Amino acid sequence: MKPWLIFGAGSGIGRHLVTIALQQKRPITALIRNSQQASELSALGVKVIHGDACDAMNVEEAVLNAGSEAIVFSTIGGVDSDLFGNMTIIDTLEKTEITRMLLVTSIGCGEGWKTLSPRAKSLFGQSVRRKSMAESYLQTSFLNYTIIRPGGLTDKPGTGHCQRYQNDIHGVVSRKDVAHQLAIMAEEESSYQQIYALVDPELKPDWPVA
């Protein structure tokens, strides 16, 4: 069973990935910046490296601890992490024997930019631009990548009806179901060098639709 290396394991989709890996009794390594989250995951049996994805030495330590067979997931986000954190991860992996990485970005990245409303661009356009650059950086790497663009994320229970799309689409999806899809795609060779949008047609947004 291949080990998992998770960047962003402290909360959200990454935390759901930890739960899946623990259920599968799979070895897990996580790079965690938040001390409380690091302690919680360590208590569950996760091999925790305390550090920041924008720090090349921290990322290298996490990669070395995970081992050459690891499958890498990045669910990180934030002003620095969206681009520079993911670039640091990609650069580090290219120096190792690890070949598999799954990157979570968002709907509206890349060619999907044109489908965003002016309001959406004003609210989170800068983050989408940074995530889009990270996607391009990964696509021009030597890694076997899969890029996942979830719709609007919700903490509602997963329905199990999340769908993958390779066309412009908008909607919502639970973080739990995104993690489940990531786990399925982890060793699915047909998903290599592919980009998928994830939306659950059965879920309605928690927020008002403009």
N, C-alpha and C. Protein backbone atom coordinates (compact mmCIF):
# COMPACT_ATOMS: atom_id res chain seq x y z
N MET A 1 0.85 -1.19 0.00
CA MET A 1 0.00 0.00 0.00
C MET A 1 0.88 1.25 0.00
N LYS A 2 0.70 2.09 -1.00
CA LYS A 2 1.57 3.25 -1.13
C LYS A 2 1.27 4.29 -0.05
N PRO A 3 2.30 4.90 0.52
CA PRO A 3 2.07 5.95 1.52
C PRO A 3 1.56 7.21 0.86
N TRP A 4 0.91 8.04 1.67
CA TRP A 4 0.42 9.33 1.21
C TRP A 4 1.19 10.44 1.91
N LEU A 5 1.50 11.48 1.15
CA LEU A 5 2.08 12.71 1.68
C LEU A 5 1.07 13.82 1.40
N ILE A 6 0.55 14.44 2.47
CA ILE A 6 -0.53 15.41 2.32
C ILE A 6 -0.06 16.79 2.78
N PHE A 7 -0.18 17.74 1.88
CA PHE A 7 0.05 19.15 2.22
C PHE A 7 -1.32 19.80 2.36
N GLY A 8 -1.61 20.31 3.55
CA GLY A 8 -2.94 20.86 3.81
C GLY A 8 -3.80 19.89 4.60
N ALA A 9 -3.15 19.00 5.38
CA ALA A 9 -3.88 17.94 6.09
C ALA A 9 -4.58 18.42 7.35
N GLY A 10 -4.33 19.66 7.76
CA GLY A 10 -4.87 20.11 9.05
C GLY A 10 -6.36 20.40 9.05
N SER A 11 -6.93 20.65 7.88
CA SER A 11 -8.35 21.01 7.84
C SER A 11 -8.91 20.74 6.44
N GLY A 12 -10.22 20.90 6.31
CA GLY A 12 -10.86 20.80 5.01
C GLY A 12 -10.66 19.48 4.29
N ILE A 13 -10.43 19.57 2.98
CA ILE A 13 -10.27 18.37 2.16
C ILE A 13 -9.10 17.52 2.64
N GLY A 14 -8.00 18.18 2.97
CA GLY A 14 -6.83 17.44 3.43
C GLY A 14 -7.10 16.63 4.68
N ARG A 15 -7.89 17.19 5.58
CA ARG A 15 -8.23 16.46 6.81
C ARG A 15 -9.09 15.25 6.50
N HIS A 16 -10.00 15.38 5.56
CA HIS A 16 -10.81 14.23 5.14
C HIS A 16 -9.92 13.15 4.49
N LEU A 17 -8.89 13.57 3.77
CA LEU A 17 -7.95 12.60 3.20
C LEU A 17 -7.24 11.81 4.31
N VAL A 18 -6.89 12.50 5.38
CA VAL A 18 -6.27 11.81 6.52
C VAL A 18 -7.20 10.73 7.06
N THR A 19 -8.47 11.05 7.21
CA THR A 19 -9.44 10.08 7.72
C THR A 19 -9.51 8.85 6.81
N ILE A 20 -9.53 9.08 5.50
CA ILE A 20 -9.58 7.96 4.55
C ILE A 20 -8.32 7.10 4.69
N ALA A 21 -7.16 7.74 4.75
CA ALA A 21 -5.90 7.00 4.85
C ALA A 21 -5.83 6.19 6.15
N LEU A 22 -6.32 6.76 7.24
CA LEU A 22 -6.33 6.03 8.52
C LEU A 22 -7.26 4.83 8.44
N GLN A 23 -8.40 4.99 7.79
CA GLN A 23 -9.33 3.87 7.63
C GLN A 23 -8.71 2.75 6.81
N GLN A 24 -7.86 3.13 5.86
CA GLN A 24 -7.19 2.14 5.01
C GLN A 24 -5.91 1.61 5.64
N LYS A 25 -5.58 2.14 6.83
CA LYS A 25 -4.33 1.78 7.52
C LYS A 25 -3.12 2.05 6.64
N ARG A 26 -3.18 3.18 5.97
CA ARG A 26 -2.14 3.58 5.03
C ARG A 26 -1.16 4.51 5.74
N PRO A 27 0.15 4.37 5.49
CA PRO A 27 1.12 5.30 6.08
C PRO A 27 0.87 6.72 5.58
N ILE A 28 0.89 7.70 6.50
CA ILE A 28 0.62 9.09 6.14
C ILE A 28 1.71 9.99 6.70
N THR A 29 2.17 10.90 5.86
CA THR A 29 3.05 11.99 6.30
C THR A 29 2.34 13.29 5.97
N ALA A 30 2.44 14.26 6.87
CA ALA A 30 1.79 15.55 6.64
C ALA A 30 2.70 16.68 7.08
N LEU A 31 2.78 17.71 6.26
CA LEU A 31 3.48 18.94 6.64
C LEU A 31 2.44 19.90 7.19
N ILE A 32 2.59 20.28 8.47
CA ILE A 32 1.59 21.10 9.15
C ILE A 32 2.25 22.32 9.76
N ARG A 33 1.66 23.49 9.52
CA ARG A 33 2.18 24.73 10.10
C ARG A 33 1.57 25.02 11.46
N ASN A 34 0.28 24.70 11.62
CA ASN A 34 -0.45 24.99 12.86
C ASN A 34 -0.08 23.98 13.94
N SER A 35 0.39 24.45 15.09
CA SER A 35 0.89 23.57 16.15
C SER A 35 -0.21 22.67 16.72
N GLN A 36 -1.40 23.23 16.93
CA GLN A 36 -2.49 22.43 17.49
C GLN A 36 -2.90 21.32 16.53
N GLN A 37 -3.02 21.65 15.24
CA GLN A 37 -3.37 20.64 14.25
C GLN A 37 -2.28 19.58 14.16
N ALA A 38 -1.03 20.01 14.26
CA ALA A 38 0.10 19.07 14.22
C ALA A 38 0.00 18.07 15.37
N SER A 39 -0.32 18.55 16.56
CA SER A 39 -0.44 17.68 17.73
C SER A 39 -1.60 16.70 17.57
N GLU A 40 -2.72 17.20 17.06
CA GLU A 40 -3.90 16.35 16.87
C GLU A 40 -3.62 15.22 15.89
N LEU A 41 -2.98 15.55 14.77
CA LEU A 41 -2.69 14.53 13.76
C LEU A 41 -1.64 13.54 14.24
N SER A 42 -0.66 14.04 14.95
CA SER A 42 0.37 13.16 15.50
C SER A 42 -0.24 12.14 16.46
N ALA A 43 -1.21 12.57 17.25
CA ALA A 43 -1.87 11.68 18.19
C ALA A 43 -2.66 10.58 17.48
N LEU A 44 -3.07 10.85 16.24
CA LEU A 44 -3.81 9.85 15.45
C LEU A 44 -2.89 8.86 14.75
N GLY A 45 -1.59 9.12 14.80
CA GLY A 45 -0.64 8.22 14.15
C GLY A 45 -0.06 8.72 12.85
N VAL A 46 -0.34 9.99 12.53
CA VAL A 46 0.22 10.59 11.33
C VAL A 46 1.65 11.02 11.60
N LYS A 47 2.55 10.77 10.65
CA LYS A 47 3.93 11.25 10.76
C LYS A 47 3.92 12.74 10.39
N VAL A 48 4.07 13.59 11.37
CA VAL A 48 3.91 15.03 11.17
C VAL A 48 5.26 15.73 11.09
N ILE A 49 5.41 16.55 10.07
CA ILE A 49 6.54 17.46 9.95
C ILE A 49 5.99 18.86 10.19
N HIS A 50 6.52 19.54 11.20
CA HIS A 50 6.02 20.86 11.56
C HIS A 50 6.76 21.89 10.71
N GLY A 51 6.02 22.56 9.82
CA GLY A 51 6.68 23.53 8.95
C GLY A 51 5.72 24.15 7.97
N ASP A 52 6.30 24.81 6.97
CA ASP A 52 5.55 25.61 6.01
C ASP A 52 5.86 25.15 4.59
N ALA A 53 4.83 25.04 3.75
CA ALA A 53 5.03 24.58 2.37
C ALA A 53 5.84 25.56 1.53
N CYS A 54 5.97 26.80 1.98
CA CYS A 54 6.78 27.77 1.25
C CYS A 54 8.25 27.68 1.62
N ASP A 55 8.57 26.85 2.58
CA ASP A 55 9.96 26.66 3.03
C ASP A 55 10.51 25.38 2.41
N ALA A 56 11.46 25.53 1.51
CA ALA A 56 11.99 24.38 0.77
C ALA A 56 12.58 23.31 1.68
N MET A 57 13.21 23.71 2.77
CA MET A 57 13.81 22.74 3.69
C MET A 57 12.73 21.93 4.40
N ASN A 58 11.63 22.58 4.78
CA ASN A 58 10.51 21.87 5.41
C ASN A 58 9.88 20.87 4.44
N VAL A 59 9.69 21.31 3.21
CA VAL A 59 9.09 20.43 2.20
C VAL A 59 10.00 19.25 1.92
N GLU A 60 11.30 19.49 1.82
CA GLU A 60 12.25 18.41 1.56
C GLU A 60 12.23 17.39 2.69
N GLU A 61 12.13 17.87 3.93
CA GLU A 61 12.06 16.95 5.07
C GLU A 61 10.82 16.08 4.99
N ALA A 62 9.69 16.68 4.63
CA ALA A 62 8.45 15.92 4.51
C ALA A 62 8.54 14.88 3.41
N VAL A 63 9.11 15.27 2.28
CA VAL A 63 9.25 14.36 1.14
C VAL A 63 10.16 13.19 1.50
N LEU A 64 11.27 13.46 2.14
CA LEU A 64 12.20 12.40 2.52
C LEU A 64 11.56 11.43 3.52
N ASN A 65 10.75 11.97 4.43
CA ASN A 65 10.08 11.12 5.41
C ASN A 65 9.00 10.25 4.77
N ALA A 66 8.37 10.77 3.74
CA ALA A 66 7.30 10.02 3.08
C ALA A 66 7.84 8.85 2.26
N GLY A 67 9.02 9.01 1.68
CA GLY A 67 9.62 7.94 0.88
C GLY A 67 9.32 8.05 -0.60
N SER A 68 10.10 7.33 -1.38
CA SER A 68 10.05 7.47 -2.83
C SER A 68 8.78 6.94 -3.48
N GLU A 69 8.01 6.12 -2.75
CA GLU A 69 6.77 5.54 -3.30
C GLU A 69 5.55 6.38 -3.00
N ALA A 70 5.74 7.49 -2.33
CA ALA A 70 4.59 8.27 -1.85
C ALA A 70 3.77 8.87 -2.98
N ILE A 71 2.48 8.98 -2.74
CA ILE A 71 1.56 9.75 -3.57
C ILE A 71 1.33 11.06 -2.85
N VAL A 72 1.48 12.16 -3.57
CA VAL A 72 1.44 13.48 -2.96
C VAL A 72 0.14 14.20 -3.30
N PHE A 73 -0.49 14.77 -2.27
CA PHE A 73 -1.69 15.58 -2.44
C PHE A 73 -1.38 16.98 -1.93
N SER A 74 -1.79 17.99 -2.67
CA SER A 74 -1.71 19.37 -2.18
C SER A 74 -3.10 19.99 -2.19
N THR A 75 -3.58 20.32 -0.99
CA THR A 75 -4.87 21.00 -0.86
C THR A 75 -4.67 22.37 -0.21
N ILE A 76 -3.42 22.85 -0.22
CA ILE A 76 -3.10 24.10 0.47
C ILE A 76 -3.70 25.31 -0.24
N GLY A 77 -3.90 26.38 0.52
CA GLY A 77 -4.40 27.62 -0.04
C GLY A 77 -3.96 28.79 0.80
N GLY A 78 -4.03 29.97 0.23
CA GLY A 78 -3.61 31.17 0.92
C GLY A 78 -2.77 32.04 0.00
N VAL A 79 -2.54 33.26 0.41
CA VAL A 79 -1.84 34.23 -0.45
C VAL A 79 -0.50 33.69 -0.92
N ASP A 80 0.27 33.12 -0.02
CA ASP A 80 1.58 32.58 -0.40
C ASP A 80 1.50 31.15 -0.92
N SER A 81 0.67 30.34 -0.27
CA SER A 81 0.64 28.92 -0.59
C SER A 81 0.06 28.61 -1.96
N ASP A 82 -0.95 29.38 -2.39
CA ASP A 82 -1.60 29.11 -3.67
C ASP A 82 -0.58 28.92 -4.79
N LEU A 83 0.42 29.78 -4.84
CA LEU A 83 1.42 29.69 -5.90
C LEU A 83 2.76 29.23 -5.36
N PHE A 84 3.35 30.00 -4.45
CA PHE A 84 4.72 29.71 -4.04
C PHE A 84 4.85 28.41 -3.25
N GLY A 85 3.85 28.10 -2.44
CA GLY A 85 3.87 26.84 -1.72
C GLY A 85 3.84 25.66 -2.68
N ASN A 86 2.92 25.72 -3.64
CA ASN A 86 2.82 24.62 -4.60
C ASN A 86 4.04 24.53 -5.51
N MET A 87 4.60 25.68 -5.89
CA MET A 87 5.82 25.65 -6.68
C MET A 87 6.97 24.99 -5.92
N THR A 88 7.05 25.27 -4.63
CA THR A 88 8.10 24.67 -3.80
C THR A 88 7.93 23.16 -3.72
N ILE A 89 6.69 22.72 -3.57
CA ILE A 89 6.42 21.28 -3.54
C ILE A 89 6.82 20.63 -4.86
N ILE A 90 6.41 21.22 -5.96
CA ILE A 90 6.71 20.67 -7.29
C ILE A 90 8.21 20.63 -7.53
N ASP A 91 8.90 21.72 -7.23
CA ASP A 91 10.36 21.76 -7.40
C ASP A 91 11.04 20.66 -6.61
N THR A 92 10.59 20.46 -5.37
CA THR A 92 11.20 19.45 -4.51
C THR A 92 10.96 18.05 -5.04
N LEU A 93 9.73 17.78 -5.48
CA LEU A 93 9.41 16.45 -5.99
C LEU A 93 10.22 16.11 -7.23
N GLU A 94 10.48 17.10 -8.06
CA GLU A 94 11.22 16.84 -9.29
C GLU A 94 12.67 16.43 -9.02
N LYS A 95 13.14 16.68 -7.81
CA LYS A 95 14.51 16.28 -7.44
C LYS A 95 14.54 14.88 -6.82
N THR A 96 13.38 14.25 -6.70
CA THR A 96 13.28 12.96 -6.03
C THR A 96 12.77 11.90 -7.01
N GLU A 97 12.50 10.70 -6.47
CA GLU A 97 11.95 9.63 -7.29
C GLU A 97 10.41 9.64 -7.27
N ILE A 98 9.82 10.52 -6.49
CA ILE A 98 8.35 10.60 -6.45
C ILE A 98 7.83 11.15 -7.78
N THR A 99 6.82 10.52 -8.31
CA THR A 99 6.33 10.92 -9.63
C THR A 99 4.86 11.32 -9.66
N ARG A 100 4.14 11.11 -8.56
CA ARG A 100 2.68 11.28 -8.59
C ARG A 100 2.24 12.41 -7.67
N MET A 101 1.49 13.38 -8.24
CA MET A 101 0.97 14.49 -7.46
C MET A 101 -0.44 14.86 -7.91
N LEU A 102 -1.30 15.07 -6.93
CA LEU A 102 -2.66 15.54 -7.18
C LEU A 102 -2.80 16.92 -6.55
N LEU A 103 -3.21 17.89 -7.35
CA LEU A 103 -3.30 19.29 -6.92
C LEU A 103 -4.75 19.75 -6.94
N VAL A 104 -5.21 20.27 -5.81
CA VAL A 104 -6.56 20.81 -5.72
C VAL A 104 -6.51 22.32 -5.90
N THR A 105 -7.25 22.83 -6.88
CA THR A 105 -7.31 24.28 -7.12
C THR A 105 -8.78 24.72 -6.97
N SER A 106 -9.38 25.26 -8.00
CA SER A 106 -10.80 25.62 -7.92
C SER A 106 -11.37 25.83 -9.31
N ILE A 107 -12.67 25.70 -9.39
CA ILE A 107 -13.36 26.04 -10.63
C ILE A 107 -13.09 27.50 -10.95
N GLY A 108 -12.88 27.79 -12.23
CA GLY A 108 -12.54 29.15 -12.65
C GLY A 108 -11.07 29.30 -12.98
N CYS A 109 -10.26 28.28 -12.62
CA CYS A 109 -8.84 28.34 -12.95
C CYS A 109 -8.63 28.06 -14.43
N GLY A 110 -7.45 28.48 -14.93
CA GLY A 110 -7.09 28.21 -16.31
C GLY A 110 -8.11 28.75 -17.29
N GLU A 111 -8.51 27.90 -18.22
CA GLU A 111 -9.45 28.32 -19.26
C GLU A 111 -10.85 28.61 -18.69
N GLY A 112 -11.08 28.19 -17.44
CA GLY A 112 -12.37 28.44 -16.81
C GLY A 112 -12.56 29.87 -16.34
N TRP A 113 -11.50 30.69 -16.41
CA TRP A 113 -11.58 32.08 -15.96
C TRP A 113 -12.72 32.83 -16.64
N LYS A 114 -12.89 32.56 -17.93
CA LYS A 114 -13.90 33.30 -18.71
C LYS A 114 -15.32 32.99 -18.24
N THR A 115 -15.50 31.90 -17.50
CA THR A 115 -16.85 31.53 -17.05
C THR A 115 -17.22 32.17 -15.72
N LEU A 116 -16.26 32.82 -15.05
CA LEU A 116 -16.55 33.45 -13.77
C LEU A 116 -17.30 34.77 -13.97
N SER A 117 -18.22 35.05 -13.08
CA SER A 117 -18.94 36.32 -13.14
C SER A 117 -18.03 37.45 -12.67
N PRO A 118 -18.33 38.68 -13.05
CA PRO A 118 -17.54 39.82 -12.55
C PRO A 118 -17.47 39.84 -11.03
N ARG A 119 -18.57 39.48 -10.37
CA ARG A 119 -18.58 39.46 -8.90
C ARG A 119 -17.60 38.43 -8.36
N ALA A 120 -17.60 37.24 -8.97
CA ALA A 120 -16.68 36.19 -8.53
C ALA A 120 -15.23 36.61 -8.74
N LYS A 121 -14.96 37.24 -9.87
CA LYS A 121 -13.60 37.70 -10.14
C LYS A 121 -13.15 38.75 -9.13
N SER A 122 -14.08 39.60 -8.71
CA SER A 122 -13.71 40.63 -7.74
C SER A 122 -13.51 40.04 -6.35
N LEU A 123 -14.26 38.98 -6.03
CA LEU A 123 -14.19 38.39 -4.69
C LEU A 123 -12.96 37.49 -4.50
N PHE A 124 -12.73 36.60 -5.46
CA PHE A 124 -11.61 35.65 -5.28
C PHE A 124 -10.78 35.49 -6.54
N GLY A 125 -10.80 36.50 -7.39
CA GLY A 125 -10.06 36.42 -8.65
C GLY A 125 -8.56 36.30 -8.47
N GLN A 126 -8.00 37.01 -7.49
CA GLN A 126 -6.55 36.95 -7.29
C GLN A 126 -6.11 35.55 -6.88
N SER A 127 -6.90 34.90 -6.04
CA SER A 127 -6.58 33.52 -5.64
C SER A 127 -6.66 32.58 -6.85
N VAL A 128 -7.68 32.77 -7.68
CA VAL A 128 -7.82 31.93 -8.88
C VAL A 128 -6.63 32.13 -9.81
N ARG A 129 -6.15 33.37 -9.94
CA ARG A 129 -4.99 33.62 -10.80
C ARG A 129 -3.75 32.90 -10.27
N ARG A 130 -3.54 32.96 -8.96
CA ARG A 130 -2.37 32.28 -8.38
C ARG A 130 -2.49 30.77 -8.54
N LYS A 131 -3.68 30.24 -8.30
CA LYS A 131 -3.88 28.79 -8.47
C LYS A 131 -3.69 28.39 -9.93
N SER A 132 -4.12 29.24 -10.85
CA SER A 132 -3.94 28.95 -12.28
C SER A 132 -2.45 28.86 -12.64
N MET A 133 -1.66 29.76 -12.07
CA MET A 133 -0.21 29.71 -12.32
C MET A 133 0.41 28.44 -11.74
N ALA A 134 -0.09 28.02 -10.58
CA ALA A 134 0.41 26.77 -9.99
C ALA A 134 0.05 25.58 -10.89
N GLU A 135 -1.15 25.61 -11.46
CA GLU A 135 -1.54 24.55 -12.39
C GLU A 135 -0.57 24.48 -13.57
N SER A 136 -0.27 25.63 -14.15
CA SER A 136 0.64 25.67 -15.30
C SER A 136 2.02 25.15 -14.92
N TYR A 137 2.46 25.51 -13.73
CA TYR A 137 3.77 25.06 -13.27
C TYR A 137 3.80 23.54 -13.15
N LEU A 138 2.72 22.97 -12.63
CA LEU A 138 2.64 21.51 -12.50
C LEU A 138 2.55 20.84 -13.87
N GLN A 139 1.78 21.43 -14.77
CA GLN A 139 1.61 20.85 -16.09
C GLN A 139 2.91 20.81 -16.90
N THR A 140 3.83 21.70 -16.59
CA THR A 140 5.11 21.73 -17.30
C THR A 140 6.21 21.05 -16.52
N SER A 141 5.82 20.28 -15.50
CA SER A 141 6.78 19.50 -14.72
C SER A 141 6.90 18.09 -15.32
N PHE A 142 7.72 17.26 -14.68
CA PHE A 142 7.88 15.88 -15.13
C PHE A 142 6.99 14.92 -14.34
N LEU A 143 6.11 15.44 -13.53
CA LEU A 143 5.29 14.62 -12.65
C LEU A 143 4.05 14.08 -13.36
N ASN A 144 3.58 12.93 -12.89
CA ASN A 144 2.29 12.40 -13.31
C ASN A 144 1.23 13.10 -12.46
N TYR A 145 0.66 14.15 -12.99
CA TYR A 145 -0.22 14.99 -12.20
C TYR A 145 -1.69 14.73 -12.52
N THR A 146 -2.54 15.08 -11.58
CA THR A 146 -3.96 15.27 -11.82
C THR A 146 -4.35 16.58 -11.14
N ILE A 147 -5.06 17.43 -11.84
CA ILE A 147 -5.52 18.70 -11.29
C ILE A 147 -7.02 18.60 -11.05
N ILE A 148 -7.43 18.96 -9.83
CA ILE A 148 -8.83 18.85 -9.44
C ILE A 148 -9.35 20.24 -9.13
N ARG A 149 -10.42 20.63 -9.81
CA ARG A 149 -11.04 21.94 -9.61
C ARG A 149 -12.43 21.76 -9.02
N PRO A 150 -12.54 21.79 -7.69
CA PRO A 150 -13.87 21.63 -7.08
C PRO A 150 -14.73 22.87 -7.31
N GLY A 151 -16.04 22.66 -7.28
CA GLY A 151 -16.96 23.78 -7.28
C GLY A 151 -16.94 24.45 -5.92
N GLY A 152 -17.98 25.23 -5.62
CA GLY A 152 -18.07 25.86 -4.31
C GLY A 152 -18.06 24.81 -3.21
N LEU A 153 -17.17 24.95 -2.25
CA LEU A 153 -16.98 23.92 -1.23
C LEU A 153 -17.90 24.12 -0.05
N THR A 154 -18.46 23.02 0.43
CA THR A 154 -19.35 23.05 1.58
C THR A 154 -18.96 21.94 2.55
N ASP A 155 -19.30 22.13 3.82
CA ASP A 155 -19.06 21.10 4.83
C ASP A 155 -20.28 20.22 5.03
N LYS A 156 -21.25 20.32 4.14
CA LYS A 156 -22.40 19.41 4.21
C LYS A 156 -21.92 17.98 4.05
N PRO A 157 -22.66 17.01 4.61
CA PRO A 157 -22.26 15.61 4.46
C PRO A 157 -22.14 15.23 2.99
N GLY A 158 -21.19 14.37 2.68
CA GLY A 158 -21.04 13.90 1.31
C GLY A 158 -22.25 13.08 0.88
N THR A 159 -22.63 13.22 -0.37
CA THR A 159 -23.76 12.45 -0.90
C THR A 159 -23.29 11.20 -1.65
N GLY A 160 -22.02 11.21 -2.03
CA GLY A 160 -21.52 10.11 -2.85
C GLY A 160 -21.86 10.27 -4.31
N HIS A 161 -22.47 11.41 -4.68
CA HIS A 161 -22.89 11.62 -6.07
C HIS A 161 -22.07 12.70 -6.76
N CYS A 162 -20.93 13.04 -6.21
CA CYS A 162 -20.03 13.99 -6.85
C CYS A 162 -19.62 13.45 -8.22
N GLN A 163 -19.60 14.33 -9.22
CA GLN A 163 -19.27 13.92 -10.58
C GLN A 163 -18.02 14.65 -11.07
N ARG A 164 -17.25 13.97 -11.91
CA ARG A 164 -16.11 14.59 -12.58
C ARG A 164 -16.55 15.13 -13.95
N TYR A 165 -16.07 16.30 -14.26
CA TYR A 165 -16.38 16.91 -15.56
C TYR A 165 -15.09 17.42 -16.19
N GLN A 166 -15.05 17.40 -17.51
CA GLN A 166 -13.93 17.99 -18.23
C GLN A 166 -14.43 19.07 -19.18
N ASN A 167 -15.41 19.82 -18.70
CA ASN A 167 -15.94 20.96 -19.43
C ASN A 167 -16.30 22.03 -18.42
N ASP A 168 -16.63 23.22 -18.89
CA ASP A 168 -16.98 24.32 -18.01
C ASP A 168 -18.29 24.02 -17.29
N ILE A 169 -18.24 24.05 -15.96
CA ILE A 169 -19.43 23.75 -15.17
C ILE A 169 -19.29 24.45 -13.83
N HIS A 170 -20.42 24.83 -13.25
CA HIS A 170 -20.42 25.44 -11.93
C HIS A 170 -21.39 24.71 -11.03
N GLY A 171 -21.14 24.79 -9.74
CA GLY A 171 -21.98 24.10 -8.77
C GLY A 171 -21.25 24.01 -7.45
N VAL A 172 -21.74 23.16 -6.58
CA VAL A 172 -21.12 22.99 -5.26
C VAL A 172 -20.78 21.52 -5.04
N VAL A 173 -19.96 21.28 -4.02
CA VAL A 173 -19.54 19.92 -3.70
C VAL A 173 -19.06 19.90 -2.25
N SER A 174 -19.26 18.80 -1.58
CA SER A 174 -18.80 18.71 -0.20
C SER A 174 -17.31 18.39 -0.18
N ARG A 175 -16.63 18.91 0.82
CA ARG A 175 -15.20 18.64 0.97
C ARG A 175 -14.94 17.14 1.14
N LYS A 176 -15.85 16.47 1.84
CA LYS A 176 -15.69 15.02 2.06
C LYS A 176 -15.72 14.26 0.74
N ASP A 177 -16.63 14.63 -0.15
CA ASP A 177 -16.73 13.94 -1.44
C ASP A 177 -15.52 14.24 -2.33
N VAL A 178 -14.97 15.46 -2.24
CA VAL A 178 -13.75 15.78 -3.00
C VAL A 178 -12.62 14.87 -2.54
N ALA A 179 -12.48 14.71 -1.22
CA ALA A 179 -11.43 13.83 -0.69
C ALA A 179 -11.62 12.39 -1.18
N HIS A 180 -12.86 11.96 -1.22
CA HIS A 180 -13.14 10.60 -1.69
C HIS A 180 -12.73 10.43 -3.14
N GLN A 181 -13.02 11.42 -3.97
CA GLN A 181 -12.60 11.36 -5.37
C GLN A 181 -11.08 11.37 -5.51
N LEU A 182 -10.41 12.17 -4.70
CA LEU A 182 -8.95 12.20 -4.72
C LEU A 182 -8.38 10.82 -4.40
N ALA A 183 -8.96 10.17 -3.40
CA ALA A 183 -8.47 8.85 -3.01
C ALA A 183 -8.65 7.84 -4.14
N ILE A 184 -9.75 7.96 -4.87
CA ILE A 184 -9.99 7.05 -6.00
C ILE A 184 -8.97 7.31 -7.11
N MET A 185 -8.71 8.59 -7.38
CA MET A 185 -7.82 8.94 -8.49
C MET A 185 -6.34 8.74 -8.17
N ALA A 186 -6.02 8.57 -6.90
CA ALA A 186 -4.61 8.53 -6.48
C ALA A 186 -3.76 7.58 -7.31
N GLU A 187 -4.28 6.39 -7.56
CA GLU A 187 -3.52 5.40 -8.33
C GLU A 187 -4.24 5.03 -9.63
N GLU A 188 -5.08 5.90 -10.10
CA GLU A 188 -5.85 5.67 -11.33
C GLU A 188 -5.06 6.26 -12.50
N GLU A 189 -4.38 5.43 -13.25
CA GLU A 189 -3.49 5.93 -14.30
C GLU A 189 -4.23 6.68 -15.39
N SER A 190 -5.51 6.39 -15.59
CA SER A 190 -6.27 7.11 -16.61
C SER A 190 -6.47 8.58 -16.24
N SER A 191 -6.21 8.93 -14.96
CA SER A 191 -6.36 10.33 -14.54
C SER A 191 -5.05 11.11 -14.65
N TYR A 192 -3.97 10.44 -15.05
CA TYR A 192 -2.69 11.14 -15.18
C TYR A 192 -2.79 12.20 -16.29
N GLN A 193 -2.20 13.36 -16.03
CA GLN A 193 -2.17 14.46 -16.99
C GLN A 193 -3.59 14.92 -17.39
N GLN A 194 -4.50 14.85 -16.43
CA GLN A 194 -5.87 15.26 -16.67
C GLN A 194 -6.29 16.36 -15.69
N ILE A 195 -7.29 17.14 -16.10
CA ILE A 195 -7.89 18.17 -15.26
C ILE A 195 -9.37 17.86 -15.14
N TYR A 196 -9.86 17.81 -13.90
CA TYR A 196 -11.28 17.52 -13.67
C TYR A 196 -11.91 18.60 -12.80
N ALA A 197 -13.10 19.04 -13.19
CA ALA A 197 -13.95 19.82 -12.30
C ALA A 197 -14.81 18.84 -11.51
N LEU A 198 -15.03 19.13 -10.23
CA LEU A 198 -15.86 18.28 -9.40
C LEU A 198 -17.07 19.07 -8.90
N VAL A 199 -18.25 18.56 -9.19
CA VAL A 199 -19.49 19.20 -8.78
C VAL A 199 -20.48 18.10 -8.39
N ASP A 200 -21.29 18.38 -7.39
CA ASP A 200 -22.35 17.46 -6.98
C ASP A 200 -23.69 18.02 -7.44
N PRO A 201 -24.30 17.43 -8.46
CA PRO A 201 -25.56 17.96 -8.98
C PRO A 201 -26.70 17.91 -7.98
N GLU A 202 -26.53 17.15 -6.88
CA GLU A 202 -27.61 17.02 -5.89
C GLU A 202 -27.52 18.05 -4.78
N LEU A 203 -26.41 18.79 -4.70
CA LEU A 203 -26.22 19.74 -3.62
C LEU A 203 -26.57 21.16 -4.04
N LYS A 204 -27.15 21.88 -3.12
CA LYS A 204 -27.45 23.30 -3.33
C LYS A 204 -26.48 24.12 -2.46
N PRO A 205 -26.13 25.32 -2.90
CA PRO A 205 -25.17 26.12 -2.14
C PRO A 205 -25.72 26.58 -0.80
N ASP A 206 -24.80 26.81 0.15
CA ASP A 206 -25.16 27.32 1.48
C ASP A 206 -25.37 28.83 1.44
N TRP A 207 -24.97 29.47 0.34
CA TRP A 207 -24.95 30.92 0.27
C TRP A 207 -25.92 31.40 -0.81
N PRO A 208 -26.37 32.64 -0.71
CA PRO A 208 -27.28 33.16 -1.74
C PRO A 208 -26.61 33.23 -3.10
N VAL A 209 -27.31 32.89 -4.14
CA VAL A 209 -26.78 32.96 -5.49
C VAL A 209 -27.17 34.30 -6.09
N ALA A 210 -26.14 35.05 -6.56
CA ALA A 210 -26.40 36.39 -7.11
C ALA A 210 -27.07 36.27 -8.48
